[in-house]
């Protein structure tokens, strides 16, 4: 009678070692991601296609992050429907408007006076340095579109404030 087949001890030890190391590997895959529920899902799903800096350099509200997550799922990101809310909450909490960027602060810029200056300083400065605003030269209609996109991304402006901010930007930083 033949003896029942038993797994080789070294193979069993290897599998146990790999299973024990899996959570540590998921943690190190998170790299620049702050702790929080959803971190490991983001670390694994997002790093399959791009560097995590693609995430850490954004500052978007929940609506924009949800749009990004659905877009990435359509491109093949492995996020289950049950995990979408967790991922969106993690991203908007960790990388939403007002969350500081890593590294040195952006260059200080004094914006010219005008109606809407305070709105631009407050709303635009939540997500990026005002140096980006001052360096841009756009026509009035382009500023309308940029401000509308920033509101979608999470800039806290109502319709009237957005119109005032866009008019200010068109006057102060319009194309010459």
N, C-alpha and C. Protein backbone atom coordinates (compact mmCIF):
# COMPACT_ATOMS: atom_id res chain seq x y z
N UNK A 1 0.84 -1.16 0.00
CA UNK A 1 0.00 0.00 0.00
C UNK A 1 0.90 1.24 0.00
N UNK A 2 0.53 2.22 -0.81
CA UNK A 2 1.36 3.42 -0.87
C UNK A 2 0.94 4.39 0.22
N UNK A 3 1.92 5.10 0.65
CA UNK A 3 1.69 6.10 1.70
C UNK A 3 1.01 7.34 1.09
N UNK A 4 0.03 7.98 1.80
CA UNK A 4 -0.62 9.17 1.24
C UNK A 4 0.42 10.28 1.01
N UNK A 5 0.18 11.02 -0.05
CA UNK A 5 1.11 12.08 -0.41
C UNK A 5 1.02 13.20 0.61
N UNK A 6 2.17 13.63 1.14
CA UNK A 6 2.22 14.74 2.09
C UNK A 6 3.02 15.88 1.47
N UNK A 7 2.57 17.11 1.68
CA UNK A 7 3.34 18.22 1.12
C UNK A 7 4.73 18.25 1.74
N UNK A 8 5.67 18.62 0.94
CA UNK A 8 7.04 18.74 1.41
C UNK A 8 7.10 19.88 2.43
N UNK A 9 7.80 19.70 3.49
CA UNK A 9 7.86 20.67 4.59
C UNK A 9 8.33 22.04 4.10
N UNK A 10 9.32 22.10 3.22
CA UNK A 10 9.83 23.40 2.77
C UNK A 10 8.78 24.14 1.95
N UNK A 11 7.95 23.43 1.18
CA UNK A 11 6.89 24.07 0.41
C UNK A 11 5.84 24.66 1.34
N UNK A 12 5.49 23.94 2.36
CA UNK A 12 4.52 24.44 3.35
C UNK A 12 5.09 25.67 4.05
N UNK A 13 6.34 25.62 4.43
CA UNK A 13 6.98 26.76 5.10
C UNK A 13 7.02 27.97 4.18
N UNK A 14 7.29 27.76 2.89
CA UNK A 14 7.34 28.86 1.93
C UNK A 14 5.97 29.53 1.80
N UNK A 15 4.92 28.72 1.67
CA UNK A 15 3.58 29.27 1.55
C UNK A 15 3.21 30.06 2.81
N UNK A 16 3.52 29.51 3.99
CA UNK A 16 3.23 30.21 5.24
C UNK A 16 3.98 31.53 5.32
N UNK A 17 5.23 31.53 4.87
CA UNK A 17 6.04 32.76 4.88
C UNK A 17 5.44 33.80 3.94
N UNK A 18 5.03 33.39 2.76
CA UNK A 18 4.43 34.32 1.81
C UNK A 18 3.12 34.89 2.33
N UNK A 19 2.30 34.06 2.94
CA UNK A 19 1.03 34.55 3.49
C UNK A 19 1.26 35.51 4.64
N UNK A 20 2.24 35.23 5.46
CA UNK A 20 2.54 36.12 6.59
C UNK A 20 3.10 37.44 6.10
N UNK A 21 3.83 37.44 5.00
CA UNK A 21 4.45 38.66 4.49
C UNK A 21 3.48 39.51 3.68
N UNK A 22 2.35 38.98 3.24
CA UNK A 22 1.43 39.71 2.37
C UNK A 22 0.97 41.03 2.95
N UNK A 23 0.52 41.10 4.21
CA UNK A 23 0.11 42.41 4.71
C UNK A 23 1.25 43.42 4.74
N UNK A 24 2.45 42.99 5.06
CA UNK A 24 3.59 43.91 5.07
C UNK A 24 3.87 44.40 3.67
N UNK A 25 3.74 43.54 2.67
CA UNK A 25 3.95 43.95 1.29
C UNK A 25 2.91 44.98 0.87
N UNK A 26 1.67 44.77 1.28
CA UNK A 26 0.62 45.74 0.94
C UNK A 26 0.90 47.08 1.60
N UNK A 27 1.43 47.07 2.81
CA UNK A 27 1.75 48.31 3.48
C UNK A 27 2.85 49.06 2.75
N UNK A 28 3.93 48.35 2.35
CA UNK A 28 5.02 49.04 1.69
C UNK A 28 4.61 49.50 0.30
N UNK A 29 3.64 48.83 -0.33
CA UNK A 29 3.15 49.26 -1.63
C UNK A 29 2.45 50.61 -1.51
N UNK A 30 1.97 50.95 -0.32
CA UNK A 30 1.28 52.21 -0.11
C UNK A 30 2.19 53.40 -0.19
N UNK A 31 3.49 53.20 0.06
CA UNK A 31 4.48 54.27 -0.05
C UNK A 31 4.02 55.59 0.53
N UNK A 32 3.75 56.56 -0.34
CA UNK A 32 3.43 57.91 0.13
C UNK A 32 2.00 58.10 0.61
N UNK A 33 1.24 57.04 0.68
CA UNK A 33 -0.17 57.16 1.07
C UNK A 33 -0.32 57.20 2.58
N UNK A 34 -1.10 58.15 3.10
CA UNK A 34 -1.34 58.18 4.55
C UNK A 34 -2.23 57.02 4.99
N UNK A 35 -2.15 56.70 6.26
CA UNK A 35 -2.96 55.63 6.83
C UNK A 35 -4.44 56.00 6.73
N UNK A 36 -5.27 54.98 6.66
CA UNK A 36 -6.71 55.18 6.65
C UNK A 36 -7.41 54.03 5.96
N UNK A 37 -8.69 53.88 6.25
CA UNK A 37 -9.47 52.81 5.63
C UNK A 37 -9.54 53.07 4.13
N UNK A 38 -9.12 52.11 3.36
CA UNK A 38 -9.09 52.22 1.91
C UNK A 38 -7.68 52.37 1.35
N UNK A 39 -6.71 52.64 2.21
CA UNK A 39 -5.33 52.84 1.77
C UNK A 39 -4.80 51.64 1.00
N UNK A 40 -4.97 50.46 1.53
CA UNK A 40 -4.42 49.27 0.88
C UNK A 40 -5.09 49.01 -0.47
N UNK A 41 -6.39 49.27 -0.56
CA UNK A 41 -7.10 49.09 -1.83
C UNK A 41 -6.52 50.05 -2.86
N UNK A 42 -6.37 51.31 -2.48
CA UNK A 42 -5.82 52.33 -3.37
C UNK A 42 -4.38 51.96 -3.76
N UNK A 43 -3.58 51.57 -2.78
CA UNK A 43 -2.18 51.25 -3.05
C UNK A 43 -2.05 50.15 -4.09
N UNK A 44 -2.84 49.11 -3.96
CA UNK A 44 -2.73 47.98 -4.87
C UNK A 44 -3.39 48.29 -6.22
N UNK A 45 -4.62 48.77 -6.20
CA UNK A 45 -5.37 48.98 -7.44
C UNK A 45 -4.73 50.06 -8.32
N UNK A 46 -4.29 51.14 -7.72
CA UNK A 46 -3.80 52.26 -8.51
C UNK A 46 -2.37 52.05 -8.99
N UNK A 47 -1.55 51.39 -8.19
CA UNK A 47 -0.15 51.21 -8.57
C UNK A 47 0.04 50.15 -9.64
N UNK A 48 -1.03 49.47 -10.03
CA UNK A 48 -0.92 48.49 -11.12
C UNK A 48 -0.62 49.18 -12.45
N UNK A 49 -1.06 50.44 -12.59
CA UNK A 49 -0.91 51.14 -13.88
C UNK A 49 -0.06 52.41 -13.82
N UNK A 50 0.02 53.05 -12.67
CA UNK A 50 0.79 54.29 -12.60
C UNK A 50 1.38 54.47 -11.21
N UNK A 51 2.30 55.39 -11.11
CA UNK A 51 2.92 55.71 -9.82
C UNK A 51 1.87 56.34 -8.90
N UNK A 52 2.04 56.15 -7.61
CA UNK A 52 1.10 56.72 -6.65
C UNK A 52 1.17 58.25 -6.62
N UNK A 53 2.24 58.84 -7.14
CA UNK A 53 2.32 60.30 -7.21
C UNK A 53 1.22 60.87 -8.10
N UNK A 54 0.67 60.06 -9.00
CA UNK A 54 -0.46 60.51 -9.82
C UNK A 54 -1.66 60.84 -8.95
N UNK A 55 -1.72 60.23 -7.77
CA UNK A 55 -2.81 60.48 -6.83
C UNK A 55 -2.41 61.55 -5.82
N UNK A 56 -1.23 61.42 -5.27
CA UNK A 56 -0.82 62.31 -4.18
C UNK A 56 -0.65 63.75 -4.62
N UNK A 57 -0.56 64.01 -5.91
CA UNK A 57 -0.40 65.38 -6.41
C UNK A 57 -1.73 66.02 -6.79
N UNK A 58 -2.83 65.33 -6.56
CA UNK A 58 -4.15 65.88 -6.85
C UNK A 58 -4.82 66.33 -5.56
N UNK A 59 -5.70 67.30 -5.67
CA UNK A 59 -6.54 67.74 -4.56
C UNK A 59 -7.94 67.93 -5.12
N UNK A 60 -8.77 66.89 -4.93
CA UNK A 60 -10.11 66.91 -5.50
C UNK A 60 -11.14 66.57 -4.43
N UNK A 61 -12.35 67.08 -4.63
CA UNK A 61 -13.45 66.76 -3.74
C UNK A 61 -14.01 65.38 -4.05
N UNK A 62 -14.96 64.95 -3.23
CA UNK A 62 -15.52 63.60 -3.36
C UNK A 62 -16.15 63.35 -4.73
N UNK A 63 -16.85 64.33 -5.27
CA UNK A 63 -17.50 64.15 -6.58
C UNK A 63 -16.45 63.89 -7.65
N UNK A 64 -15.37 64.66 -7.66
CA UNK A 64 -14.32 64.47 -8.66
C UNK A 64 -13.58 63.16 -8.45
N UNK A 65 -13.31 62.80 -7.17
CA UNK A 65 -12.64 61.52 -6.92
C UNK A 65 -13.52 60.36 -7.38
N UNK A 66 -14.82 60.45 -7.16
CA UNK A 66 -15.73 59.38 -7.61
C UNK A 66 -15.64 59.26 -9.13
N UNK A 67 -15.65 60.38 -9.82
CA UNK A 67 -15.50 60.37 -11.28
C UNK A 67 -14.19 59.70 -11.67
N UNK A 68 -13.09 60.05 -10.98
CA UNK A 68 -11.78 59.45 -11.27
C UNK A 68 -11.81 57.93 -11.03
N UNK A 69 -12.40 57.51 -9.94
CA UNK A 69 -12.44 56.08 -9.61
C UNK A 69 -13.22 55.32 -10.67
N UNK A 70 -14.39 55.82 -11.06
CA UNK A 70 -15.16 55.15 -12.11
C UNK A 70 -14.39 55.12 -13.43
N UNK A 71 -13.71 56.22 -13.75
CA UNK A 71 -12.91 56.26 -14.96
C UNK A 71 -11.81 55.19 -14.92
N UNK A 72 -11.15 55.07 -13.79
CA UNK A 72 -10.07 54.09 -13.67
C UNK A 72 -10.62 52.65 -13.71
N UNK A 73 -11.79 52.43 -13.14
CA UNK A 73 -12.40 51.10 -13.21
C UNK A 73 -12.69 50.75 -14.67
N UNK A 74 -13.18 51.72 -15.43
CA UNK A 74 -13.44 51.49 -16.85
C UNK A 74 -12.15 51.18 -17.60
N UNK A 75 -11.03 51.65 -17.09
CA UNK A 75 -9.73 51.38 -17.73
C UNK A 75 -9.08 50.11 -17.19
N UNK A 76 -9.73 49.44 -16.24
CA UNK A 76 -9.24 48.16 -15.76
C UNK A 76 -8.82 48.10 -14.31
N UNK A 77 -8.96 49.18 -13.56
CA UNK A 77 -8.59 49.14 -12.14
C UNK A 77 -9.45 48.11 -11.42
N UNK A 78 -8.82 47.33 -10.58
CA UNK A 78 -9.51 46.26 -9.87
C UNK A 78 -10.06 46.76 -8.54
N UNK A 79 -11.17 47.47 -8.61
CA UNK A 79 -11.87 47.96 -7.43
C UNK A 79 -13.28 47.40 -7.51
N UNK A 80 -13.70 46.70 -6.47
CA UNK A 80 -15.03 46.08 -6.49
C UNK A 80 -16.10 47.14 -6.21
N UNK A 81 -17.32 46.93 -6.67
CA UNK A 81 -18.39 47.87 -6.37
C UNK A 81 -18.54 48.13 -4.86
N UNK A 82 -18.32 47.10 -4.05
CA UNK A 82 -18.45 47.26 -2.60
C UNK A 82 -17.36 48.16 -2.02
N UNK A 83 -16.25 48.33 -2.73
CA UNK A 83 -15.13 49.14 -2.22
C UNK A 83 -15.12 50.57 -2.75
N UNK A 84 -15.97 50.90 -3.69
CA UNK A 84 -15.93 52.23 -4.31
C UNK A 84 -16.11 53.34 -3.28
N UNK A 85 -17.12 53.26 -2.42
CA UNK A 85 -17.34 54.31 -1.43
C UNK A 85 -16.16 54.44 -0.48
N UNK A 86 -15.57 53.33 -0.09
CA UNK A 86 -14.40 53.36 0.80
C UNK A 86 -13.24 54.06 0.11
N UNK A 87 -13.01 53.75 -1.15
CA UNK A 87 -11.92 54.35 -1.90
C UNK A 87 -12.16 55.85 -2.08
N UNK A 88 -13.36 56.23 -2.48
CA UNK A 88 -13.68 57.65 -2.68
C UNK A 88 -13.53 58.42 -1.36
N UNK A 89 -14.01 57.86 -0.26
CA UNK A 89 -13.88 58.52 1.04
C UNK A 89 -12.41 58.68 1.41
N UNK A 90 -11.61 57.64 1.22
CA UNK A 90 -10.18 57.71 1.52
C UNK A 90 -9.50 58.79 0.68
N UNK A 91 -9.76 58.79 -0.62
CA UNK A 91 -9.11 59.75 -1.50
C UNK A 91 -9.52 61.19 -1.18
N UNK A 92 -10.82 61.41 -0.96
CA UNK A 92 -11.26 62.79 -0.70
C UNK A 92 -10.82 63.28 0.67
N UNK A 93 -10.66 62.37 1.62
CA UNK A 93 -10.16 62.76 2.94
C UNK A 93 -8.66 62.99 2.92
N UNK A 94 -7.94 62.14 2.22
CA UNK A 94 -6.47 62.21 2.21
C UNK A 94 -5.92 63.19 1.18
N UNK A 95 -6.67 63.40 0.08
CA UNK A 95 -6.18 64.23 -1.01
C UNK A 95 -7.27 65.16 -1.53
N UNK A 96 -8.02 65.72 -0.61
CA UNK A 96 -9.10 66.64 -0.98
C UNK A 96 -8.63 68.08 -0.89
N UNK A 97 -9.50 69.01 -1.27
CA UNK A 97 -9.16 70.43 -1.17
C UNK A 97 -8.75 70.79 0.26
N UNK A 98 -7.68 71.54 0.35
CA UNK A 98 -7.19 72.00 1.65
C UNK A 98 -6.16 71.09 2.29
N UNK A 99 -5.98 69.88 1.78
CA UNK A 99 -4.96 68.98 2.32
C UNK A 99 -3.62 69.43 1.77
N UNK A 100 -2.65 69.73 2.63
CA UNK A 100 -1.37 70.25 2.13
C UNK A 100 -0.64 69.24 1.24
N UNK A 101 0.06 69.78 0.25
CA UNK A 101 0.91 68.96 -0.60
C UNK A 101 2.18 68.63 0.15
N UNK A 102 2.78 67.48 -0.18
CA UNK A 102 4.08 67.19 0.43
C UNK A 102 5.14 68.13 -0.15
N UNK A 103 6.19 68.37 0.59
CA UNK A 103 7.28 69.21 0.10
C UNK A 103 7.12 70.66 0.48
N UNK A 104 7.98 71.49 -0.11
CA UNK A 104 7.96 72.91 0.24
C UNK A 104 6.67 73.58 -0.24
N UNK A 105 6.24 74.62 0.46
CA UNK A 105 5.02 75.31 0.04
C UNK A 105 5.25 76.03 -1.29
N UNK A 106 4.17 76.25 -2.05
CA UNK A 106 4.34 76.96 -3.32
C UNK A 106 4.80 78.40 -3.09
N UNK A 107 5.35 78.98 -4.13
CA UNK A 107 5.85 80.35 -4.04
C UNK A 107 4.71 81.30 -3.67
N UNK A 108 5.02 82.25 -2.79
CA UNK A 108 4.03 83.25 -2.37
C UNK A 108 3.83 84.24 -3.52
N UNK A 109 2.57 84.52 -3.82
CA UNK A 109 2.23 85.44 -4.90
C UNK A 109 1.20 86.42 -4.37
N UNK A 110 1.41 87.69 -4.66
CA UNK A 110 0.42 88.72 -4.31
C UNK A 110 -0.43 88.97 -5.54
N UNK A 111 -1.71 88.69 -5.42
CA UNK A 111 -2.62 88.91 -6.54
C UNK A 111 -3.00 90.38 -6.61
N UNK A 112 -3.26 90.89 -7.82
CA UNK A 112 -3.68 92.29 -7.94
C UNK A 112 -5.06 92.50 -7.31
N UNK A 113 -5.30 93.70 -6.83
CA UNK A 113 -6.59 94.02 -6.24
C UNK A 113 -7.69 93.95 -7.29
N UNK A 114 -8.89 93.68 -6.82
CA UNK A 114 -10.05 93.64 -7.69
C UNK A 114 -11.15 92.81 -7.06
N UNK A 115 -12.37 93.02 -7.57
CA UNK A 115 -13.51 92.25 -7.08
C UNK A 115 -13.31 90.78 -7.44
N UNK A 116 -13.25 89.93 -6.43
CA UNK A 116 -13.05 88.51 -6.63
C UNK A 116 -11.69 88.03 -6.16
N UNK A 117 -10.81 88.95 -5.82
CA UNK A 117 -9.46 88.56 -5.37
C UNK A 117 -9.53 87.62 -4.18
N UNK A 118 -10.35 87.96 -3.17
CA UNK A 118 -10.44 87.13 -1.97
C UNK A 118 -11.00 85.74 -2.29
N UNK A 119 -11.96 85.68 -3.21
CA UNK A 119 -12.51 84.38 -3.61
C UNK A 119 -11.43 83.51 -4.24
N UNK A 120 -10.63 84.09 -5.11
CA UNK A 120 -9.56 83.34 -5.79
C UNK A 120 -8.52 82.90 -4.77
N UNK A 121 -8.13 83.80 -3.88
CA UNK A 121 -7.13 83.43 -2.86
C UNK A 121 -7.64 82.27 -2.00
N UNK A 122 -8.90 82.36 -1.59
CA UNK A 122 -9.45 81.33 -0.71
C UNK A 122 -9.74 80.02 -1.41
N UNK A 123 -10.42 80.08 -2.55
CA UNK A 123 -10.83 78.84 -3.23
C UNK A 123 -9.68 78.19 -4.00
N UNK A 124 -8.94 78.96 -4.75
CA UNK A 124 -7.87 78.38 -5.57
C UNK A 124 -6.71 77.92 -4.70
N UNK A 125 -6.45 78.69 -3.63
CA UNK A 125 -5.34 78.36 -2.74
C UNK A 125 -5.56 77.10 -1.91
N UNK A 126 -6.77 76.55 -1.91
CA UNK A 126 -7.02 75.29 -1.21
C UNK A 126 -6.36 74.10 -1.89
N UNK A 127 -6.21 74.17 -3.20
CA UNK A 127 -5.75 73.01 -3.95
C UNK A 127 -4.39 73.18 -4.61
N UNK A 128 -3.98 74.40 -4.85
CA UNK A 128 -2.68 74.62 -5.48
C UNK A 128 -2.20 76.03 -5.15
N UNK A 129 -0.94 76.28 -5.44
CA UNK A 129 -0.37 77.59 -5.18
C UNK A 129 -0.94 78.64 -6.12
N UNK A 130 -0.98 79.87 -5.64
CA UNK A 130 -1.47 80.97 -6.46
C UNK A 130 -0.49 81.32 -7.57
N UNK A 131 0.73 80.80 -7.48
CA UNK A 131 1.70 81.00 -8.56
C UNK A 131 1.18 80.39 -9.86
N UNK A 132 0.42 79.31 -9.77
CA UNK A 132 -0.17 78.70 -10.97
C UNK A 132 -1.21 79.61 -11.59
N UNK A 133 -1.96 80.31 -10.75
CA UNK A 133 -2.98 81.23 -11.24
C UNK A 133 -2.31 82.42 -11.93
N UNK A 134 -1.31 82.99 -11.25
CA UNK A 134 -0.65 84.19 -11.76
C UNK A 134 0.12 83.92 -13.05
N UNK A 135 0.60 82.71 -13.23
CA UNK A 135 1.38 82.38 -14.42
C UNK A 135 0.51 82.13 -15.65
N UNK A 136 -0.76 81.85 -15.43
CA UNK A 136 -1.66 81.52 -16.55
C UNK A 136 -2.19 82.80 -17.19
N UNK A 137 -2.18 82.81 -18.49
CA UNK A 137 -2.80 83.91 -19.26
C UNK A 137 -3.85 83.27 -20.14
N UNK A 138 -5.11 83.55 -19.83
CA UNK A 138 -6.23 82.94 -20.55
C UNK A 138 -7.26 84.01 -20.90
N UNK A 139 -8.01 83.74 -21.92
CA UNK A 139 -9.10 84.63 -22.28
C UNK A 139 -10.26 84.46 -21.30
N UNK A 140 -11.18 85.42 -21.27
CA UNK A 140 -12.31 85.36 -20.32
C UNK A 140 -13.12 84.06 -20.41
N UNK A 141 -13.40 83.59 -21.62
CA UNK A 141 -14.19 82.36 -21.75
C UNK A 141 -13.39 81.15 -21.26
N UNK A 142 -12.09 81.19 -21.44
CA UNK A 142 -11.26 80.10 -20.93
C UNK A 142 -11.30 80.07 -19.41
N UNK A 143 -11.26 81.25 -18.77
CA UNK A 143 -11.33 81.29 -17.31
C UNK A 143 -12.68 80.78 -16.82
N UNK A 144 -13.75 81.05 -17.56
CA UNK A 144 -15.07 80.51 -17.19
C UNK A 144 -15.00 78.98 -17.12
N UNK A 145 -14.41 78.37 -18.14
CA UNK A 145 -14.30 76.90 -18.18
C UNK A 145 -13.38 76.36 -17.10
N UNK A 146 -12.26 77.05 -16.87
CA UNK A 146 -11.31 76.60 -15.84
C UNK A 146 -11.96 76.66 -14.46
N UNK A 147 -12.64 77.76 -14.17
CA UNK A 147 -13.29 77.90 -12.86
C UNK A 147 -14.39 76.84 -12.71
N UNK A 148 -15.17 76.60 -13.76
CA UNK A 148 -16.21 75.56 -13.68
C UNK A 148 -15.59 74.20 -13.41
N UNK A 149 -14.47 73.91 -14.06
CA UNK A 149 -13.79 72.63 -13.81
C UNK A 149 -13.27 72.54 -12.38
N UNK A 150 -12.74 73.64 -11.86
CA UNK A 150 -12.23 73.65 -10.49
C UNK A 150 -13.36 73.47 -9.48
N UNK A 151 -14.52 74.03 -9.76
CA UNK A 151 -15.69 73.81 -8.89
C UNK A 151 -16.05 72.33 -8.90
N UNK A 152 -16.03 71.70 -10.07
CA UNK A 152 -16.29 70.26 -10.15
C UNK A 152 -15.26 69.49 -9.32
N UNK A 153 -13.99 69.92 -9.36
CA UNK A 153 -12.93 69.25 -8.61
C UNK A 153 -13.05 69.49 -7.11
N UNK A 154 -13.82 70.50 -6.69
CA UNK A 154 -14.02 70.69 -5.26
C UNK A 154 -13.83 72.11 -4.75
N UNK A 155 -13.54 73.06 -5.62
CA UNK A 155 -13.41 74.45 -5.16
C UNK A 155 -14.75 74.89 -4.57
N UNK A 156 -14.74 75.42 -3.35
CA UNK A 156 -16.00 75.75 -2.67
C UNK A 156 -16.58 77.10 -3.11
N UNK A 157 -17.08 77.13 -4.33
CA UNK A 157 -17.68 78.35 -4.87
C UNK A 157 -19.08 78.05 -5.36
N UNK A 158 -20.03 78.91 -5.01
CA UNK A 158 -21.36 78.75 -5.59
C UNK A 158 -21.34 79.40 -6.97
N UNK A 159 -22.46 79.36 -7.70
CA UNK A 159 -22.50 79.85 -9.07
C UNK A 159 -22.13 81.33 -9.17
N UNK A 160 -22.64 82.15 -8.25
CA UNK A 160 -22.32 83.58 -8.26
C UNK A 160 -20.86 83.84 -7.96
N UNK A 161 -20.32 83.13 -6.99
CA UNK A 161 -18.91 83.29 -6.65
C UNK A 161 -18.01 82.83 -7.80
N UNK A 162 -18.38 81.75 -8.45
CA UNK A 162 -17.60 81.25 -9.59
C UNK A 162 -17.57 82.28 -10.71
N UNK A 163 -18.71 82.92 -10.96
CA UNK A 163 -18.78 83.95 -11.99
C UNK A 163 -17.89 85.14 -11.62
N UNK A 164 -17.91 85.54 -10.36
CA UNK A 164 -17.07 86.64 -9.89
C UNK A 164 -15.60 86.28 -9.99
N UNK A 165 -15.24 85.08 -9.59
CA UNK A 165 -13.85 84.63 -9.65
C UNK A 165 -13.36 84.58 -11.09
N UNK A 166 -14.17 84.04 -12.00
CA UNK A 166 -13.78 83.96 -13.40
C UNK A 166 -13.62 85.36 -14.01
N UNK A 167 -14.50 86.28 -13.66
CA UNK A 167 -14.39 87.66 -14.17
C UNK A 167 -13.10 88.30 -13.65
N UNK A 168 -12.81 88.10 -12.37
CA UNK A 168 -11.57 88.64 -11.80
C UNK A 168 -10.35 88.06 -12.53
N UNK A 169 -10.33 86.75 -12.72
CA UNK A 169 -9.20 86.11 -13.38
C UNK A 169 -9.05 86.58 -14.82
N UNK A 170 -10.17 86.76 -15.50
CA UNK A 170 -10.13 87.27 -16.87
C UNK A 170 -9.56 88.66 -16.96
N UNK A 171 -9.87 89.49 -15.97
CA UNK A 171 -9.35 90.86 -15.95
C UNK A 171 -7.89 90.88 -15.50
N UNK A 172 -7.59 90.17 -14.42
CA UNK A 172 -6.23 90.22 -13.84
C UNK A 172 -5.22 89.38 -14.62
N UNK A 173 -5.68 88.28 -15.21
CA UNK A 173 -4.76 87.35 -15.88
C UNK A 173 -5.24 86.94 -17.26
N UNK A 174 -5.97 87.86 -17.89
CA UNK A 174 -6.44 87.58 -19.24
C UNK A 174 -5.31 87.65 -20.24
N UNK A 175 -5.52 86.99 -21.37
CA UNK A 175 -4.50 87.01 -22.43
C UNK A 175 -4.41 88.43 -22.99
N UNK A 176 -3.23 88.80 -23.29
CA UNK A 176 -2.99 90.16 -23.79
C UNK A 176 -2.95 90.20 -25.29
